[in-house]
Amino acid sequence: MADHRALYEKVILDHNRSPRNFGKMEHPDLQAEGFNALCGDQFTVYLRMEGDRIKEIKFEGAGCAISKSSASVMTAELTGKTRAEAEAVFAKFKAMITSEPGSPLDEKALGKLAIFGGVREFPVRAKCATLAWHTALSALHGAPDAVSTE
């Protein structure tokens, strides 16, 4: 467990310090804004589509280490996915984040996302971890209103 926790912390810190796909996208096909009122995290997620597939995804904004690193990992995971595939990945991620601490994880199915299983130990942080994901899903659905975790 100590090794898993150390890896969790290392990944969180790495993606927080050097987030992947961070920055504004010029002329996105889709975009959405998300806000976590509990801790003030706020992101905009931008998508460039190629048909039904996410060709490029970027985000900008500010948030805690968990929300920022989750957004960074999310962009890498969703690039190249179809809408349906992106929704399926989000469903797996959300189910993991909201599952009981200590319950087994299907690390093979979750892949790199399994590292966020440590968030389950801090249920209040689930909103931080899922904010960018909810925002990306909202963008994919063309929802006009900002996403809130409340």
C-alpha atoms as a PDB file:
ATOM      1  CA  MET A   1       0.000   0.000   0.000  1.00  0.00           C
ATOM      2  CA  ALA A   2       2.849   2.392   0.790  1.00  0.00           C
ATOM      3  CA  ASP A   3       4.315   1.866  -2.716  1.00  0.00           C
ATOM      4  CA  HIS A   4       0.919   2.504  -4.301  1.00  0.00           C
ATOM      5  CA  ARG A   5       0.467   5.682  -2.255  1.00  0.00           C
ATOM      6  CA  ALA A   6       3.946   6.924  -3.208  1.00  0.00           C
ATOM      7  CA  LEU A   7       3.208   6.315  -6.896  1.00  0.00           C
ATOM      8  CA  TYR A   8      -0.154   8.099  -6.520  1.00  0.00           C
ATOM      9  CA  GLU A   9       1.552  11.122  -4.972  1.00  0.00           C
ATOM     10  CA  LYS A  10       4.306  11.113  -7.603  1.00  0.00           C
ATOM     11  CA  VAL A  11       1.828  11.072 -10.513  1.00  0.00           C
ATOM     12  CA  ILE A  12      -0.339  13.785  -8.921  1.00  0.00           C
ATOM     13  CA  LEU A  13       2.665  16.042  -8.341  1.00  0.00           C
ATOM     14  CA  ASP A  14       4.133  15.425 -11.809  1.00  0.00           C
ATOM     15  CA  HIS A  15       0.898  16.250 -13.646  1.00  0.00           C
ATOM     16  CA  ASN A  16       0.250  19.232 -11.368  1.00  0.00           C
ATOM     17  CA  ARG A  17       3.693  20.733 -11.983  1.00  0.00           C
ATOM     18  CA  SER A  18       3.802  19.899 -15.697  1.00  0.00           C
ATOM     19  CA  PRO A  19       0.227  19.448 -16.904  1.00  0.00           C
ATOM     20  CA  ARG A  20      -0.148  17.907 -20.327  1.00  0.00           C
ATOM     21  CA  ASN A  21      -2.280  19.685 -22.947  1.00  0.00           C
ATOM     22  CA  PHE A  22      -2.593  22.781 -20.771  1.00  0.00           C
ATOM     23  CA  GLY A  23      -3.486  26.060 -22.429  1.00  0.00           C
ATOM     24  CA  LYS A  24      -6.104  27.747 -24.503  1.00  0.00           C
ATOM     25  CA  MET A  25      -7.076  26.185 -27.805  1.00  0.00           C
ATOM     26  CA  GLU A  26      -7.692  28.590 -30.655  1.00  0.00           C
ATOM     27  CA  HIS A  27     -10.917  27.919 -32.553  1.00  0.00           C
ATOM     28  CA  PRO A  28     -12.123  24.779 -30.750  1.00  0.00           C
ATOM     29  CA  ASP A  29     -15.097  22.878 -32.115  1.00  0.00           C
ATOM     30  CA  LEU A  30     -16.514  22.447 -28.624  1.00  0.00           C
ATOM     31  CA  GLN A  31     -15.794  23.871 -25.205  1.00  0.00           C
ATOM     32  CA  ALA A  32     -17.268  24.002 -21.724  1.00  0.00           C
ATOM     33  CA  GLU A  33     -16.509  25.616 -18.392  1.00  0.00           C
ATOM     34  CA  GLY A  34     -16.526  23.857 -15.041  1.00  0.00           C
ATOM     35  CA  PHE A  35     -16.444  25.145 -11.479  1.00  0.00           C
ATOM     36  CA  ASN A  36     -16.051  23.459  -8.104  1.00  0.00           C
ATOM     37  CA  ALA A  37     -17.632  25.829  -5.598  1.00  0.00           C
ATOM     38  CA  LEU A  38     -16.289  23.829  -2.659  1.00  0.00           C
ATOM     39  CA  CYS A  39     -12.633  24.649  -3.324  1.00  0.00           C
ATOM     40  CA  GLY A  40     -12.683  27.159  -6.188  1.00  0.00           C
ATOM     41  CA  ASP A  41     -11.296  24.930  -8.952  1.00  0.00           C
ATOM     42  CA  GLN A  42     -12.252  26.328 -12.350  1.00  0.00           C
ATOM     43  CA  PHE A  43     -11.420  24.919 -15.787  1.00  0.00           C
ATOM     44  CA  THR A  44     -12.311  25.394 -19.415  1.00  0.00           C
ATOM     45  CA  VAL A  45     -12.018  22.284 -21.575  1.00  0.00           C
ATOM     46  CA  TYR A  46     -11.547  22.659 -25.336  1.00  0.00           C
ATOM     47  CA  LEU A  47     -12.137  19.961 -27.933  1.00  0.00           C
ATOM     48  CA  ARG A  48     -11.217  19.704 -31.582  1.00  0.00           C
ATOM     49  CA  MET A  49     -13.213  16.968 -33.242  1.00  0.00           C
ATOM     50  CA  GLU A  50     -12.621  14.908 -36.340  1.00  0.00           C
ATOM     51  CA  GLY A  51     -16.065  13.535 -37.054  1.00  0.00           C
ATOM     52  CA  ASP A  52     -17.122  11.732 -33.894  1.00  0.00           C
ATOM     53  CA  ARG A  53     -13.557  11.390 -32.598  1.00  0.00           C
ATOM     54  CA  ILE A  54     -11.668  13.702 -30.238  1.00  0.00           C
ATOM     55  CA  LYS A  55      -8.717  14.841 -32.310  1.00  0.00           C
ATOM     56  CA  GLU A  56      -7.321  17.209 -29.671  1.00  0.00           C
ATOM     57  CA  ILE A  57      -8.266  18.192 -26.135  1.00  0.00           C
ATOM     58  CA  LYS A  58      -6.813  20.956 -23.999  1.00  0.00           C
ATOM     59  CA  PHE A  59      -7.715  22.655 -20.754  1.00  0.00           C
ATOM     60  CA  GLU A  60      -6.912  25.850 -18.930  1.00  0.00           C
ATOM     61  CA  GLY A  61      -7.764  27.248 -15.558  1.00  0.00           C
ATOM     62  CA  ALA A  62      -6.715  26.812 -11.971  1.00  0.00           C
ATOM     63  CA  GLY A  63      -7.311  24.265  -9.307  1.00  0.00           C
ATOM     64  CA  CYS A  64      -5.853  22.062  -6.639  1.00  0.00           C
ATOM     65  CA  ALA A  65      -3.230  19.436  -7.447  1.00  0.00           C
ATOM     66  CA  ILE A  66      -5.800  16.647  -7.741  1.00  0.00           C
ATOM     67  CA  SER A  67      -8.101  18.514 -10.131  1.00  0.00           C
ATOM     68  CA  LYS A  68      -5.259  19.782 -12.296  1.00  0.00           C
ATOM     69  CA  SER A  69      -3.495  16.430 -12.504  1.00  0.00           C
ATOM     70  CA  SER A  70      -6.781  14.648 -13.208  1.00  0.00           C
ATOM     71  CA  ALA A  71      -7.471  17.090 -16.049  1.00  0.00           C
ATOM     72  CA  SER A  72      -3.977  16.495 -17.422  1.00  0.00           C
ATOM     73  CA  VAL A  73      -4.323  12.703 -17.357  1.00  0.00           C
ATOM     74  CA  MET A  74      -7.834  12.999 -18.805  1.00  0.00           C
ATOM     75  CA  THR A  75      -6.580  14.852 -21.890  1.00  0.00           C
ATOM     76  CA  ALA A  76      -4.107  12.075 -22.643  1.00  0.00           C
ATOM     77  CA  GLU A  77      -6.728   9.373 -22.069  1.00  0.00           C
ATOM     78  CA  LEU A  78      -9.451  10.939 -24.212  1.00  0.00           C
ATOM     79  CA  THR A  79      -7.385  12.019 -27.226  1.00  0.00           C
ATOM     80  CA  GLY A  80      -8.331   9.821 -30.157  1.00  0.00           C
ATOM     81  CA  LYS A  81     -11.467   8.425 -28.500  1.00  0.00           C
ATOM     82  CA  THR A  82     -14.961   8.600 -29.987  1.00  0.00           C
ATOM     83  CA  ARG A  83     -17.720  10.266 -27.980  1.00  0.00           C
ATOM     84  CA  ALA A  84     -19.020   6.862 -26.872  1.00  0.00           C
ATOM     85  CA  GLU A  85     -15.541   5.686 -25.884  1.00  0.00           C
ATOM     86  CA  ALA A  86     -14.925   8.915 -23.938  1.00  0.00           C
ATOM     87  CA  GLU A  87     -18.229   8.468 -22.096  1.00  0.00           C
ATOM     88  CA  ALA A  88     -17.306   4.874 -21.232  1.00  0.00           C
ATOM     89  CA  VAL A  89     -13.892   5.932 -19.883  1.00  0.00           C
ATOM     90  CA  PHE A  90     -15.552   8.663 -17.808  1.00  0.00           C
ATOM     91  CA  ALA A  91     -18.075   6.158 -16.394  1.00  0.00           C
ATOM     92  CA  LYS A  92     -15.242   3.809 -15.325  1.00  0.00           C
ATOM     93  CA  PHE A  93     -13.279   6.690 -13.812  1.00  0.00           C
ATOM     94  CA  LYS A  94     -16.266   8.070 -11.902  1.00  0.00           C
ATOM     95  CA  ALA A  95     -17.243   4.605 -10.634  1.00  0.00           C
ATOM     96  CA  MET A  96     -13.704   4.107  -9.336  1.00  0.00           C
ATOM     97  CA  ILE A  97     -13.483   7.530  -7.689  1.00  0.00           C
ATOM     98  CA  THR A  98     -16.801   7.059  -5.886  1.00  0.00           C
ATOM     99  CA  SER A  99     -16.236   3.429  -4.860  1.00  0.00           C
ATOM    100  CA  GLU A 100     -15.493   2.403  -1.288  1.00  0.00           C
ATOM    101  CA  PRO A 101     -11.904   2.910  -0.119  1.00  0.00           C
ATOM    102  CA  GLY A 102     -10.100  -0.407  -0.045  1.00  0.00           C
ATOM    103  CA  SER A 103     -12.423  -2.081  -2.518  1.00  0.00           C
ATOM    104  CA  PRO A 104     -10.562  -3.871  -5.314  1.00  0.00           C
ATOM    105  CA  LEU A 105      -9.727  -1.958  -8.467  1.00  0.00           C
ATOM    106  CA  ASP A 106      -9.751  -3.465 -11.926  1.00  0.00           C
ATOM    107  CA  GLU A 107      -6.357  -2.004 -12.764  1.00  0.00           C
ATOM    108  CA  LYS A 108      -6.292  -3.717 -16.151  1.00  0.00           C
ATOM    109  CA  ALA A 109      -9.572  -2.050 -17.210  1.00  0.00           C
ATOM    110  CA  LEU A 110      -8.637   1.303 -15.685  1.00  0.00           C
ATOM    111  CA  GLY A 111      -5.074   1.447 -16.984  1.00  0.00           C
ATOM    112  CA  LYS A 112      -3.282   4.637 -15.965  1.00  0.00           C
ATOM    113  CA  LEU A 113      -6.468   5.974 -14.386  1.00  0.00           C
ATOM    114  CA  ALA A 114      -6.151   3.432 -11.555  1.00  0.00           C
ATOM    115  CA  ILE A 115      -3.556   5.656  -9.926  1.00  0.00           C
ATOM    116  CA  PHE A 116      -6.403   7.975  -8.892  1.00  0.00           C
ATOM    117  CA  GLY A 117      -7.861   5.169  -6.768  1.00  0.00           C
ATOM    118  CA  GLY A 118      -6.161   6.879  -3.827  1.00  0.00           C
ATOM    119  CA  VAL A 119      -8.720   9.687  -4.066  1.00  0.00           C
ATOM    120  CA  ARG A 120     -11.286   7.246  -2.654  1.00  0.00           C
ATOM    121  CA  GLU A 121      -9.626   7.661   0.745  1.00  0.00           C
ATOM    122  CA  PHE A 122     -10.687  11.319   0.680  1.00  0.00           C
ATOM    123  CA  PRO A 123     -14.325  11.377  -0.552  1.00  0.00           C
ATOM    124  CA  VAL A 124     -14.510  15.179  -0.434  1.00  0.00           C
ATOM    125  CA  ARG A 125     -11.816  15.220  -3.152  1.00  0.00           C
ATOM    126  CA  ALA A 126     -13.949  13.203  -5.596  1.00  0.00           C
ATOM    127  CA  LYS A 127     -15.379  16.472  -6.926  1.00  0.00           C
ATOM    128  CA  CYS A 128     -11.862  17.740  -7.528  1.00  0.00           C
ATOM    129  CA  ALA A 129     -10.875  14.608  -9.431  1.00  0.00           C
ATOM    130  CA  THR A 130     -13.994  14.553 -11.617  1.00  0.00           C
ATOM    131  CA  LEU A 131     -14.461  18.270 -12.395  1.00  0.00           C
ATOM    132  CA  ALA A 132     -12.531  18.293 -15.684  1.00  0.00           C
ATOM    133  CA  TRP A 133     -14.189  15.009 -16.706  1.00  0.00           C
ATOM    134  CA  HIS A 134     -17.680  16.403 -16.144  1.00  0.00           C
ATOM    135  CA  THR A 135     -16.633  19.516 -18.056  1.00  0.00           C
ATOM    136  CA  ALA A 136     -15.302  17.500 -21.023  1.00  0.00           C
ATOM    137  CA  LEU A 137     -18.499  15.453 -21.117  1.00  0.00           C
ATOM    138  CA  SER A 138     -20.541  18.648 -21.087  1.00  0.00           C
ATOM    139  CA  ALA A 139     -18.501  19.972 -24.013  1.00  0.00           C
ATOM    140  CA  LEU A 140     -19.047  16.725 -25.932  1.00  0.00           C
ATOM    141  CA  HIS A 141     -22.796  17.118 -25.420  1.00  0.00           C
ATOM    142  CA  GLY A 142     -22.727  20.785 -26.429  1.00  0.00           C
ATOM    143  CA  ALA A 143     -24.250  21.852 -23.102  1.00  0.00           C
ATOM    144  CA  PRO A 144     -24.406  25.656 -22.925  1.00  0.00           C
ATOM    145  CA  ASP A 145     -24.339  26.049 -19.132  1.00  0.00           C
ATOM    146  CA  ALA A 146     -21.235  25.921 -16.984  1.00  0.00           C
ATOM    147  CA  VAL A 147     -20.708  22.669 -15.090  1.00  0.00           C
ATOM    148  CA  SER A 148     -20.805  22.810 -11.324  1.00  0.00           C
ATOM    149  CA  THR A 149     -19.874  20.058  -8.922  1.00  0.00           C
ATOM    150  CA  GLU A 150     -22.663  21.158  -6.578  1.00  0.00           C
END
